[in-house]
């Protein structure tokens, strides 16, 4: 009985995304907006680590200011991404770019909340370390964004 109820709920959810005019575009807007806020706040920290802006603030302080925005935005990204995935599971599963995007996203998340965070919170990290950590972070997040763009164009 539980299985049937879950199946009906899942189908109702998928049908709502696919059959209403506004649901899928709304999920896409939340997904893209969440990425803009999440990746943008991470980029602020990275640019500071590269000494390209916000020089009057420490990297740790910028991280503390943006951390809640980053986490909240990434939660929206993950939930809206799951909704988008569920709406067209078959298309995403045969898309050659989609699994690569998911692996890079996982790597970016792990990297951001471990090594990147640790270096950003250091009082006086070696400049070369800060630069390498920031460049890797930016490359990972740009790869995730491009993976999302190419997922939409390759079927």
N, C-alpha and C. Protein backbone atom coordinates (compact mmCIF):
# COMPACT_ATOMS: atom_id res chain seq x y z
N UNK A 1 0.82 -1.20 0.00
CA UNK A 1 0.00 0.00 0.00
C UNK A 1 0.87 1.27 0.00
N UNK A 2 1.93 1.27 0.82
CA UNK A 2 2.84 2.42 0.89
C UNK A 2 3.47 2.67 -0.48
N UNK A 3 3.87 1.59 -1.15
CA UNK A 3 4.50 1.71 -2.47
C UNK A 3 3.55 2.37 -3.46
N UNK A 4 2.31 1.99 -3.44
CA UNK A 4 1.31 2.56 -4.37
C UNK A 4 1.12 4.05 -4.07
N UNK A 5 1.03 4.40 -2.80
CA UNK A 5 0.85 5.80 -2.43
C UNK A 5 2.06 6.64 -2.88
N UNK A 6 3.28 6.12 -2.65
CA UNK A 6 4.48 6.85 -3.08
C UNK A 6 4.52 6.99 -4.60
N UNK A 7 4.12 5.94 -5.30
CA UNK A 7 4.10 5.99 -6.76
C UNK A 7 3.11 7.04 -7.26
N UNK A 8 1.94 7.11 -6.63
CA UNK A 8 0.94 8.11 -7.02
C UNK A 8 1.42 9.52 -6.74
N UNK A 9 2.07 9.71 -5.58
CA UNK A 9 2.60 11.03 -5.27
C UNK A 9 3.69 11.43 -6.24
N UNK A 10 4.55 10.51 -6.56
CA UNK A 10 5.63 10.80 -7.50
C UNK A 10 5.04 11.14 -8.87
N UNK A 11 4.06 10.38 -9.30
CA UNK A 11 3.45 10.66 -10.60
C UNK A 11 2.71 11.99 -10.59
N UNK A 12 2.04 12.30 -9.49
CA UNK A 12 1.34 13.58 -9.40
C UNK A 12 2.34 14.73 -9.45
N UNK A 13 3.46 14.57 -8.80
CA UNK A 13 4.49 15.60 -8.81
C UNK A 13 5.05 15.78 -10.22
N UNK A 14 5.38 14.68 -10.86
CA UNK A 14 5.92 14.74 -12.22
C UNK A 14 4.89 15.32 -13.17
N UNK A 15 3.64 14.89 -13.03
CA UNK A 15 2.58 15.44 -13.89
C UNK A 15 2.42 16.93 -13.70
N UNK A 16 2.52 17.40 -12.46
CA UNK A 16 2.39 18.84 -12.21
C UNK A 16 3.51 19.61 -12.89
N UNK A 17 4.72 19.07 -12.84
CA UNK A 17 5.85 19.74 -13.50
C UNK A 17 5.70 19.75 -15.02
N UNK A 18 5.20 18.66 -15.56
CA UNK A 18 5.14 18.54 -17.01
C UNK A 18 3.85 19.07 -17.63
N UNK A 19 2.78 19.09 -16.87
CA UNK A 19 1.49 19.44 -17.45
C UNK A 19 1.03 20.86 -17.18
N UNK A 20 1.64 21.53 -16.23
CA UNK A 20 1.25 22.92 -16.01
C UNK A 20 2.23 23.83 -16.74
N UNK A 21 1.72 24.93 -17.18
CA UNK A 21 2.50 25.84 -18.00
C UNK A 21 3.64 26.51 -17.23
N UNK A 22 3.48 26.70 -15.94
CA UNK A 22 4.42 27.51 -15.18
C UNK A 22 5.36 26.72 -14.28
N UNK A 23 5.06 25.44 -13.97
CA UNK A 23 5.82 24.71 -12.96
C UNK A 23 7.27 24.44 -13.38
N UNK A 24 7.47 23.92 -14.57
CA UNK A 24 8.83 23.62 -15.02
C UNK A 24 9.67 24.89 -15.16
N UNK A 25 9.14 25.94 -15.83
CA UNK A 25 9.93 27.18 -15.90
C UNK A 25 10.23 27.78 -14.53
N UNK A 26 9.30 27.66 -13.60
CA UNK A 26 9.53 28.16 -12.24
C UNK A 26 10.67 27.38 -11.57
N UNK A 27 10.66 26.05 -11.73
CA UNK A 27 11.73 25.24 -11.16
C UNK A 27 13.07 25.61 -11.79
N UNK A 28 13.07 25.86 -13.09
CA UNK A 28 14.31 26.28 -13.76
C UNK A 28 14.79 27.64 -13.24
N UNK A 29 13.86 28.56 -13.04
CA UNK A 29 14.24 29.89 -12.52
C UNK A 29 14.83 29.78 -11.12
N UNK A 30 14.23 28.97 -10.27
CA UNK A 30 14.76 28.76 -8.92
C UNK A 30 16.15 28.13 -9.01
N UNK A 31 16.29 27.17 -9.91
CA UNK A 31 17.58 26.48 -10.08
C UNK A 31 18.66 27.45 -10.55
N UNK A 32 18.38 28.21 -11.57
CA UNK A 32 19.36 29.15 -12.11
C UNK A 32 19.63 30.29 -11.13
N UNK A 33 18.58 30.82 -10.51
CA UNK A 33 18.76 31.88 -9.51
C UNK A 33 19.56 31.40 -8.32
N UNK A 34 19.29 30.17 -7.87
CA UNK A 34 20.06 29.60 -6.76
C UNK A 34 21.53 29.46 -7.12
N UNK A 35 21.79 29.03 -8.33
CA UNK A 35 23.19 28.92 -8.77
C UNK A 35 23.85 30.29 -8.82
N UNK A 36 23.13 31.27 -9.31
CA UNK A 36 23.70 32.62 -9.39
C UNK A 36 24.09 33.13 -8.00
N UNK A 37 23.23 32.92 -7.03
CA UNK A 37 23.52 33.38 -5.67
C UNK A 37 24.61 32.51 -5.02
N UNK A 38 24.47 31.20 -5.13
CA UNK A 38 25.44 30.30 -4.50
C UNK A 38 26.83 30.42 -5.09
N UNK A 39 26.92 30.32 -6.41
CA UNK A 39 28.23 30.40 -7.05
C UNK A 39 28.77 31.83 -6.96
N UNK A 40 27.90 32.81 -7.02
CA UNK A 40 28.33 34.20 -6.89
C UNK A 40 28.94 34.48 -5.53
N UNK A 41 28.33 33.94 -4.48
CA UNK A 41 28.89 34.17 -3.14
C UNK A 41 30.20 33.42 -2.95
N UNK A 42 30.32 32.25 -3.55
CA UNK A 42 31.59 31.52 -3.50
C UNK A 42 32.65 32.29 -4.28
N UNK A 43 32.26 32.84 -5.42
CA UNK A 43 33.20 33.61 -6.25
C UNK A 43 33.71 34.84 -5.52
N UNK A 44 32.88 35.47 -4.70
CA UNK A 44 33.35 36.62 -3.91
C UNK A 44 34.53 36.22 -3.03
N UNK A 45 34.41 35.07 -2.39
CA UNK A 45 35.50 34.56 -1.54
C UNK A 45 36.72 34.26 -2.41
N UNK A 46 36.47 33.61 -3.55
CA UNK A 46 37.58 33.25 -4.45
C UNK A 46 38.31 34.49 -4.96
N UNK A 47 37.54 35.51 -5.37
CA UNK A 47 38.18 36.73 -5.87
C UNK A 47 39.02 37.40 -4.79
N UNK A 48 38.55 37.34 -3.55
CA UNK A 48 39.35 37.89 -2.44
C UNK A 48 40.62 37.08 -2.24
N UNK A 49 40.49 35.76 -2.38
CA UNK A 49 41.67 34.90 -2.23
C UNK A 49 42.68 35.16 -3.35
N UNK A 50 42.18 35.57 -4.50
CA UNK A 50 43.05 35.92 -5.63
C UNK A 50 43.52 37.37 -5.55
N UNK A 51 43.07 38.08 -4.51
CA UNK A 51 43.41 39.49 -4.30
C UNK A 51 42.89 40.38 -5.44
N UNK A 52 41.70 40.03 -5.95
CA UNK A 52 41.10 40.78 -7.06
C UNK A 52 39.96 41.69 -6.63
N UNK A 53 39.70 41.76 -5.37
CA UNK A 53 38.64 42.66 -4.93
C UNK A 53 38.41 42.55 -3.44
N UNK A 54 37.59 43.45 -2.94
CA UNK A 54 37.23 43.49 -1.52
C UNK A 54 38.46 43.44 -0.62
N UNK A 55 39.46 44.18 -0.97
CA UNK A 55 40.74 44.13 -0.25
C UNK A 55 40.65 44.69 1.18
N UNK A 56 39.60 45.44 1.46
CA UNK A 56 39.44 45.99 2.81
C UNK A 56 38.88 44.95 3.79
N UNK A 57 38.48 43.77 3.28
CA UNK A 57 37.94 42.70 4.12
C UNK A 57 38.87 41.49 4.08
N UNK A 58 38.85 40.70 5.14
CA UNK A 58 39.60 39.45 5.12
C UNK A 58 38.76 38.39 4.41
N UNK A 59 39.44 37.39 3.91
CA UNK A 59 38.73 36.29 3.26
C UNK A 59 37.79 35.60 4.24
N UNK A 60 38.25 35.42 5.47
CA UNK A 60 37.43 34.76 6.48
C UNK A 60 36.15 35.55 6.75
N UNK A 61 36.27 36.85 6.80
CA UNK A 61 35.09 37.68 7.06
C UNK A 61 34.10 37.62 5.90
N UNK A 62 34.60 37.64 4.67
CA UNK A 62 33.73 37.52 3.51
C UNK A 62 33.03 36.16 3.52
N UNK A 63 33.79 35.11 3.85
CA UNK A 63 33.20 33.77 3.93
C UNK A 63 32.09 33.75 4.97
N UNK A 64 32.32 34.32 6.13
CA UNK A 64 31.28 34.33 7.18
C UNK A 64 30.06 35.13 6.74
N UNK A 65 30.26 36.23 6.03
CA UNK A 65 29.13 37.03 5.53
C UNK A 65 28.30 36.28 4.49
N UNK A 66 28.97 35.50 3.65
CA UNK A 66 28.29 34.88 2.52
C UNK A 66 27.87 33.43 2.75
N UNK A 67 28.37 32.83 3.81
CA UNK A 67 28.15 31.40 4.01
C UNK A 67 26.68 31.00 4.08
N UNK A 68 25.88 31.73 4.79
CA UNK A 68 24.44 31.41 4.89
C UNK A 68 23.77 31.53 3.52
N UNK A 69 24.14 32.57 2.77
CA UNK A 69 23.59 32.74 1.42
C UNK A 69 23.99 31.57 0.52
N UNK A 70 25.24 31.16 0.64
CA UNK A 70 25.73 30.05 -0.17
C UNK A 70 24.96 28.77 0.14
N UNK A 71 24.85 28.44 1.40
CA UNK A 71 24.18 27.20 1.80
C UNK A 71 22.71 27.24 1.42
N UNK A 72 22.03 28.35 1.70
CA UNK A 72 20.61 28.45 1.36
C UNK A 72 20.40 28.34 -0.15
N UNK A 73 21.23 29.01 -0.91
CA UNK A 73 21.10 28.95 -2.37
C UNK A 73 21.35 27.54 -2.89
N UNK A 74 22.37 26.88 -2.35
CA UNK A 74 22.66 25.52 -2.81
C UNK A 74 21.57 24.53 -2.43
N UNK A 75 20.89 24.76 -1.32
CA UNK A 75 19.73 23.92 -0.96
C UNK A 75 18.64 24.10 -2.01
N UNK A 76 18.37 25.35 -2.41
CA UNK A 76 17.38 25.60 -3.46
C UNK A 76 17.81 24.93 -4.77
N UNK A 77 19.09 25.00 -5.08
CA UNK A 77 19.62 24.39 -6.31
C UNK A 77 19.40 22.88 -6.28
N UNK A 78 19.72 22.24 -5.17
CA UNK A 78 19.60 20.80 -5.08
C UNK A 78 18.14 20.35 -5.18
N UNK A 79 17.23 21.04 -4.50
CA UNK A 79 15.82 20.65 -4.55
C UNK A 79 15.20 20.94 -5.91
N UNK A 80 15.49 22.09 -6.47
CA UNK A 80 14.94 22.40 -7.79
C UNK A 80 15.57 21.50 -8.85
N UNK A 81 16.85 21.18 -8.70
CA UNK A 81 17.50 20.25 -9.63
C UNK A 81 16.87 18.87 -9.56
N UNK A 82 16.56 18.41 -8.36
CA UNK A 82 15.89 17.12 -8.22
C UNK A 82 14.52 17.14 -8.89
N UNK A 83 13.80 18.24 -8.75
CA UNK A 83 12.50 18.37 -9.40
C UNK A 83 12.64 18.34 -10.92
N UNK A 84 13.62 19.06 -11.43
CA UNK A 84 13.85 19.06 -12.88
C UNK A 84 14.23 17.67 -13.36
N UNK A 85 15.07 16.98 -12.61
CA UNK A 85 15.47 15.63 -12.96
C UNK A 85 14.26 14.70 -13.00
N UNK A 86 13.43 14.75 -11.96
CA UNK A 86 12.26 13.87 -11.89
C UNK A 86 11.27 14.12 -13.01
N UNK A 87 11.25 15.34 -13.51
CA UNK A 87 10.29 15.65 -14.57
C UNK A 87 10.65 14.99 -15.90
N UNK A 88 11.93 14.66 -16.09
CA UNK A 88 12.36 14.06 -17.36
C UNK A 88 13.50 13.07 -17.12
N UNK A 89 13.25 12.10 -16.27
CA UNK A 89 14.28 11.15 -15.87
C UNK A 89 14.91 10.47 -17.08
N UNK A 90 14.11 10.01 -18.00
CA UNK A 90 14.61 9.30 -19.17
C UNK A 90 15.58 10.11 -19.99
N UNK A 91 15.30 11.39 -20.16
CA UNK A 91 16.17 12.26 -20.95
C UNK A 91 17.50 12.47 -20.24
N UNK A 92 17.45 12.70 -18.93
CA UNK A 92 18.69 12.95 -18.19
C UNK A 92 19.57 11.70 -18.10
N UNK A 93 18.95 10.53 -18.00
CA UNK A 93 19.72 9.30 -17.85
C UNK A 93 20.48 8.92 -19.12
N UNK A 94 19.99 9.33 -20.29
CA UNK A 94 20.72 9.00 -21.53
C UNK A 94 21.62 10.15 -21.99
N UNK A 95 21.55 11.27 -21.30
CA UNK A 95 22.38 12.42 -21.67
C UNK A 95 23.82 12.17 -21.24
N UNK A 96 24.79 12.25 -22.17
CA UNK A 96 26.18 11.93 -21.81
C UNK A 96 26.84 12.97 -20.89
N UNK A 97 26.34 14.19 -20.89
CA UNK A 97 26.94 15.26 -20.07
C UNK A 97 26.43 15.22 -18.64
N UNK A 98 25.18 14.81 -18.45
CA UNK A 98 24.55 14.88 -17.13
C UNK A 98 25.33 14.17 -16.03
N UNK A 99 25.77 12.92 -16.22
CA UNK A 99 26.52 12.28 -15.11
C UNK A 99 27.84 13.00 -14.82
N UNK A 100 28.47 13.53 -15.85
CA UNK A 100 29.71 14.28 -15.63
C UNK A 100 29.42 15.51 -14.77
N UNK A 101 28.33 16.22 -15.09
CA UNK A 101 27.93 17.39 -14.30
C UNK A 101 27.70 17.00 -12.84
N UNK A 102 27.06 15.87 -12.62
CA UNK A 102 26.77 15.45 -11.24
C UNK A 102 28.05 15.12 -10.48
N UNK A 103 29.01 14.47 -11.14
CA UNK A 103 30.28 14.18 -10.48
C UNK A 103 31.06 15.46 -10.17
N UNK A 104 31.05 16.40 -11.11
CA UNK A 104 31.75 17.66 -10.89
C UNK A 104 31.05 18.46 -9.78
N UNK A 105 29.72 18.43 -9.76
CA UNK A 105 28.97 19.10 -8.69
C UNK A 105 29.34 18.51 -7.34
N UNK A 106 29.38 17.20 -7.25
CA UNK A 106 29.76 16.55 -5.99
C UNK A 106 31.17 16.96 -5.58
N UNK A 107 32.09 16.97 -6.54
CA UNK A 107 33.47 17.38 -6.24
C UNK A 107 33.51 18.84 -5.79
N UNK A 108 32.75 19.70 -6.46
CA UNK A 108 32.73 21.13 -6.10
C UNK A 108 32.17 21.33 -4.69
N UNK A 109 31.11 20.61 -4.35
CA UNK A 109 30.52 20.74 -3.02
C UNK A 109 31.50 20.26 -1.94
N UNK A 110 32.08 19.11 -2.16
CA UNK A 110 33.04 18.58 -1.18
C UNK A 110 34.22 19.52 -1.04
N UNK A 111 34.75 19.97 -2.16
CA UNK A 111 35.90 20.89 -2.15
C UNK A 111 35.57 22.18 -1.43
N UNK A 112 34.38 22.74 -1.74
CA UNK A 112 33.99 24.03 -1.16
C UNK A 112 33.86 23.97 0.35
N UNK A 113 33.29 22.89 0.86
CA UNK A 113 33.02 22.83 2.29
C UNK A 113 34.13 22.14 3.08
N UNK A 114 35.24 21.81 2.42
CA UNK A 114 36.38 21.23 3.13
C UNK A 114 37.62 22.12 2.92
N UNK A 115 38.40 21.80 1.92
CA UNK A 115 39.68 22.49 1.70
C UNK A 115 39.49 23.99 1.46
N UNK A 116 38.56 24.35 0.59
CA UNK A 116 38.32 25.76 0.27
C UNK A 116 37.97 26.54 1.54
N UNK A 117 37.07 26.00 2.33
CA UNK A 117 36.63 26.66 3.56
C UNK A 117 37.79 26.78 4.55
N UNK A 118 38.57 25.70 4.67
CA UNK A 118 39.69 25.69 5.61
C UNK A 118 40.71 26.78 5.26
N UNK A 119 41.05 26.89 3.99
CA UNK A 119 42.03 27.91 3.56
C UNK A 119 41.43 29.30 3.70
N UNK A 120 40.16 29.46 3.36
CA UNK A 120 39.52 30.77 3.46
C UNK A 120 39.46 31.27 4.90
N UNK A 121 39.38 30.36 5.85
CA UNK A 121 39.29 30.76 7.26
C UNK A 121 40.66 30.93 7.92
N UNK A 122 41.74 30.59 7.22
CA UNK A 122 43.08 30.78 7.78
C UNK A 122 43.35 32.26 7.98
N UNK A 123 44.05 32.56 9.07
CA UNK A 123 44.37 33.96 9.34
C UNK A 123 45.33 34.55 8.31
N UNK A 124 46.40 33.85 8.01
CA UNK A 124 47.37 34.31 7.01
C UNK A 124 47.84 33.12 6.17
N UNK A 125 46.99 32.69 5.22
CA UNK A 125 47.41 31.56 4.39
C UNK A 125 48.50 31.98 3.41
N UNK A 126 49.34 31.05 3.02
CA UNK A 126 50.35 31.38 2.01
C UNK A 126 49.65 31.87 0.73
N UNK A 127 50.10 32.97 0.15
CA UNK A 127 49.43 33.52 -1.04
C UNK A 127 49.29 32.51 -2.18
N UNK A 128 50.31 31.70 -2.40
CA UNK A 128 50.24 30.71 -3.49
C UNK A 128 49.14 29.68 -3.22
N UNK A 129 49.01 29.26 -1.97
CA UNK A 129 47.96 28.31 -1.61
C UNK A 129 46.58 28.93 -1.84
N UNK A 130 46.39 30.16 -1.38
CA UNK A 130 45.11 30.84 -1.59
C UNK A 130 44.75 30.92 -3.06
N UNK A 131 45.71 31.27 -3.88
CA UNK A 131 45.46 31.41 -5.31
C UNK A 131 45.10 30.07 -5.96
N UNK A 132 45.83 29.03 -5.63
CA UNK A 132 45.54 27.71 -6.20
C UNK A 132 44.16 27.23 -5.77
N UNK A 133 43.85 27.38 -4.48
CA UNK A 133 42.56 26.95 -3.96
C UNK A 133 41.43 27.72 -4.64
N UNK A 134 41.59 29.01 -4.81
CA UNK A 134 40.56 29.84 -5.45
C UNK A 134 40.39 29.47 -6.93
N UNK A 135 41.48 29.24 -7.62
CA UNK A 135 41.40 28.89 -9.05
C UNK A 135 40.71 27.54 -9.23
N UNK A 136 41.06 26.56 -8.41
CA UNK A 136 40.41 25.25 -8.49
C UNK A 136 38.91 25.40 -8.21
N UNK A 137 38.56 26.18 -7.21
CA UNK A 137 37.16 26.42 -6.87
C UNK A 137 36.41 27.03 -8.05
N UNK A 138 36.97 28.08 -8.61
CA UNK A 138 36.31 28.73 -9.75
C UNK A 138 36.17 27.78 -10.94
N UNK A 139 37.20 27.00 -11.20
CA UNK A 139 37.13 26.05 -12.32
C UNK A 139 36.05 24.98 -12.09
N UNK A 140 35.96 24.48 -10.87
CA UNK A 140 34.92 23.49 -10.56
C UNK A 140 33.53 24.07 -10.76
N UNK A 141 33.28 25.28 -10.23
CA UNK A 141 31.94 25.85 -10.33
C UNK A 141 31.60 26.27 -11.75
N UNK A 142 32.57 26.76 -12.49
CA UNK A 142 32.32 27.08 -13.91
C UNK A 142 32.01 25.80 -14.67
N UNK A 143 32.70 24.72 -14.36
CA UNK A 143 32.42 23.44 -15.02
C UNK A 143 31.01 22.95 -14.71
N UNK A 144 30.55 23.14 -13.47
CA UNK A 144 29.18 22.75 -13.11
C UNK A 144 28.17 23.57 -13.92
N UNK A 145 28.40 24.86 -13.99
CA UNK A 145 27.48 25.73 -14.74
C UNK A 145 27.45 25.34 -16.21
N UNK A 146 28.62 25.14 -16.81
CA UNK A 146 28.66 24.73 -18.22
C UNK A 146 28.06 23.35 -18.41
N UNK A 147 28.24 22.47 -17.44
CA UNK A 147 27.59 21.16 -17.50
C UNK A 147 26.09 21.28 -17.55
N UNK A 148 25.55 22.22 -16.77
CA UNK A 148 24.10 22.46 -16.81
C UNK A 148 23.66 23.01 -18.15
N UNK A 149 24.43 23.92 -18.70
CA UNK A 149 24.08 24.49 -20.00
C UNK A 149 24.10 23.40 -21.07
N UNK A 150 25.18 22.61 -21.09
CA UNK A 150 25.30 21.57 -22.12
C UNK A 150 24.33 20.42 -21.91
N UNK A 151 23.91 20.17 -20.68
CA UNK A 151 22.90 19.15 -20.44
C UNK A 151 21.61 19.51 -21.17
N UNK A 152 21.28 20.78 -21.19
CA UNK A 152 20.07 21.23 -21.86
C UNK A 152 20.16 21.16 -23.39
N UNK A 153 21.36 21.19 -23.93
CA UNK A 153 21.50 21.21 -25.38
C UNK A 153 21.80 19.85 -25.99
N UNK A 154 22.27 18.90 -25.20
CA UNK A 154 22.59 17.57 -25.72
C UNK A 154 21.56 16.57 -25.24
N UNK A 155 20.88 15.96 -26.15
CA UNK A 155 19.92 14.93 -25.78
C UNK A 155 20.17 13.67 -26.56
